[in-house]
């Protein structure tokens, strides 16, 4: 797993590439904590671009749920964007979409694959 980090005037960006699994999570956790420190200095959000993630298991989900709580305690924003199919499959299977509280964009042709639950309501995506 590769992990790129970039900082702009607007945000701190992390872009993992490859498998987010138990073997790679310590480096991701460390990068998140360092990014929180950098973000706090400039009062910027931290954004994790998941567009190059090929595997996403339950420990990865647990890491990001914990990171969301840590960011909130530090008055920081952590956003997960560009969810790949492995990420979507895991977070929808475990009913964690609302827990992560990030907008999820799904291509029209993939809408029938997922049932997204936000809060107490249930939103079913049917093919157009």
Protein backbone atom coordinates (compact mmCIF):
# COMPACT_ATOMS: atom_id res chain seq x y z
CA UNK A 1 0.00 0.00 0.00
CA UNK A 2 1.30 3.43 -0.96
CA UNK A 3 0.23 6.59 0.81
CA UNK A 4 0.58 10.05 -0.70
CA UNK A 5 0.15 13.19 1.36
CA UNK A 6 -0.20 16.71 0.03
CA UNK A 7 -1.02 19.98 1.72
CA UNK A 8 -2.63 22.97 0.01
CA UNK A 9 -3.91 26.29 1.29
CA UNK A 10 -7.38 24.72 1.62
CA UNK A 11 -6.78 21.21 2.99
CA UNK A 12 -4.52 18.34 3.93
CA UNK A 13 -4.99 15.50 1.43
CA UNK A 14 -4.19 11.83 1.99
CA UNK A 15 -4.42 9.40 -0.89
CA UNK A 16 -3.92 5.73 -0.06
CA UNK A 17 -3.30 3.40 -2.99
CA UNK A 18 -3.83 -0.34 -2.80
CA UNK A 19 -5.18 -2.46 0.03
CA UNK A 20 -6.41 -0.85 3.24
CA UNK A 21 -6.21 -3.89 5.45
CA UNK A 22 -4.82 -4.90 8.82
CA UNK A 23 -1.25 -4.94 7.48
CA UNK A 24 -1.34 -1.35 6.21
CA UNK A 25 -3.42 0.36 8.88
CA UNK A 26 -0.62 1.41 11.23
CA UNK A 27 0.95 3.59 8.53
CA UNK A 28 -2.47 5.06 7.68
CA UNK A 29 -3.20 5.76 11.36
CA UNK A 30 0.16 7.47 11.76
CA UNK A 31 -0.40 9.57 8.62
CA UNK A 32 -3.87 10.57 9.85
CA UNK A 33 -2.52 11.72 13.23
CA UNK A 34 0.25 13.71 11.55
CA UNK A 35 -2.30 15.21 9.15
CA UNK A 36 -4.49 16.23 12.09
CA UNK A 37 -1.52 18.12 13.57
CA UNK A 38 -0.84 19.88 10.26
CA UNK A 39 -4.53 20.64 9.75
CA UNK A 40 -4.88 22.10 13.24
CA UNK A 41 -2.05 24.56 12.56
CA UNK A 42 -3.78 25.96 9.49
CA UNK A 43 -7.37 25.25 10.55
CA UNK A 44 -7.88 23.11 7.45
CA UNK A 45 -9.93 19.96 6.88
CA UNK A 46 -8.28 16.61 6.28
CA UNK A 47 -9.51 14.84 3.16
CA UNK A 48 -8.87 11.16 2.40
CA UNK A 49 -9.22 10.38 -1.30
CA UNK A 50 -10.19 6.70 -1.56
CA UNK A 51 -10.20 6.57 -5.38
CA UNK A 52 -7.19 4.22 -5.52
CA UNK A 53 -8.21 1.82 -2.75
CA UNK A 54 -8.44 -1.76 -4.01
CA UNK A 55 -9.33 -3.50 -0.72
CA UNK A 56 -11.12 -2.16 2.35
CA UNK A 57 -11.74 -4.47 5.28
CA UNK A 58 -13.50 -4.11 8.63
CA UNK A 59 -10.40 -2.92 10.54
CA UNK A 60 -10.03 -0.13 7.94
CA UNK A 61 -13.61 0.93 8.60
CA UNK A 62 -12.95 0.87 12.35
CA UNK A 63 -9.86 3.03 11.86
CA UNK A 64 -11.80 5.68 9.95
CA UNK A 65 -14.69 5.66 12.44
CA UNK A 66 -12.18 6.22 15.23
CA UNK A 67 -10.39 8.90 13.20
CA UNK A 68 -13.71 10.71 12.67
CA UNK A 69 -14.21 10.82 16.44
CA UNK A 70 -10.65 12.01 17.04
CA UNK A 71 -11.02 14.76 14.45
CA UNK A 72 -14.28 15.91 16.01
CA UNK A 73 -12.69 16.10 19.48
CA UNK A 74 -9.98 18.32 17.99
CA UNK A 75 -12.55 20.51 16.19
CA UNK A 76 -11.27 19.31 12.83
CA UNK A 77 -13.12 17.97 9.82
CA UNK A 78 -12.20 14.63 8.29
CA UNK A 79 -13.81 13.82 4.94
CA UNK A 80 -13.66 10.58 3.00
CA UNK A 81 -14.20 11.09 -0.72
CA UNK A 82 -14.18 9.13 -3.98
CA UNK A 83 -15.28 5.82 -2.47
CA UNK A 84 -14.29 2.85 -4.64
CA UNK A 85 -16.40 -0.28 -5.02
CA UNK A 86 -14.51 -2.21 -2.29
CA UNK A 87 -15.07 0.70 0.12
CA UNK A 88 -18.76 1.06 -0.78
CA UNK A 89 -19.31 -2.68 -0.51
CA UNK A 90 -17.91 -2.82 3.02
CA UNK A 91 -19.52 0.32 4.43
CA UNK A 92 -22.94 -0.56 3.03
CA UNK A 93 -22.68 -4.20 4.14
CA UNK A 94 -21.90 -3.06 7.69
CA UNK A 95 -24.46 -0.22 7.64
CA UNK A 96 -21.79 2.39 8.32
CA UNK A 97 -22.70 5.04 5.73
CA UNK A 98 -24.43 7.27 8.26
CA UNK A 99 -21.71 6.71 10.87
CA UNK A 100 -19.06 8.05 8.51
CA UNK A 101 -21.32 11.01 7.63
CA UNK A 102 -19.70 11.70 4.27
CA UNK A 103 -21.58 12.17 1.01
CA UNK A 104 -21.35 9.05 -1.14
CA UNK A 105 -21.45 9.43 -4.91
CA UNK A 106 -22.55 6.41 -6.90
CA UNK A 107 -22.54 6.15 -10.67
CA UNK A 108 -26.00 5.69 -12.19
CA UNK A 109 -25.12 2.25 -13.53
CA UNK A 110 -24.07 1.10 -10.03
CA UNK A 111 -27.07 2.35 -8.05
CA UNK A 112 -28.82 -1.03 -7.99
CA UNK A 113 -25.83 -2.60 -6.18
CA UNK A 114 -26.18 -0.62 -2.97
CA UNK A 115 -28.76 0.13 -0.31
CA UNK A 116 -27.61 3.17 1.63
CA UNK A 117 -28.93 3.86 5.11
CA UNK A 118 -28.70 7.37 6.50
CA UNK A 119 -29.82 7.79 10.10
CA UNK A 120 -33.22 6.29 10.79
CA UNK A 121 -34.44 6.40 7.21
CA UNK A 122 -33.58 3.98 4.45
CA UNK A 123 -32.76 5.15 0.96
CA UNK A 124 -32.88 2.54 -1.75
CA UNK A 125 -31.06 3.26 -4.97
CA UNK A 126 -32.82 1.77 -7.94
CA UNK A 127 -31.44 1.67 -11.44
CA UNK A 128 -32.65 4.52 -13.61
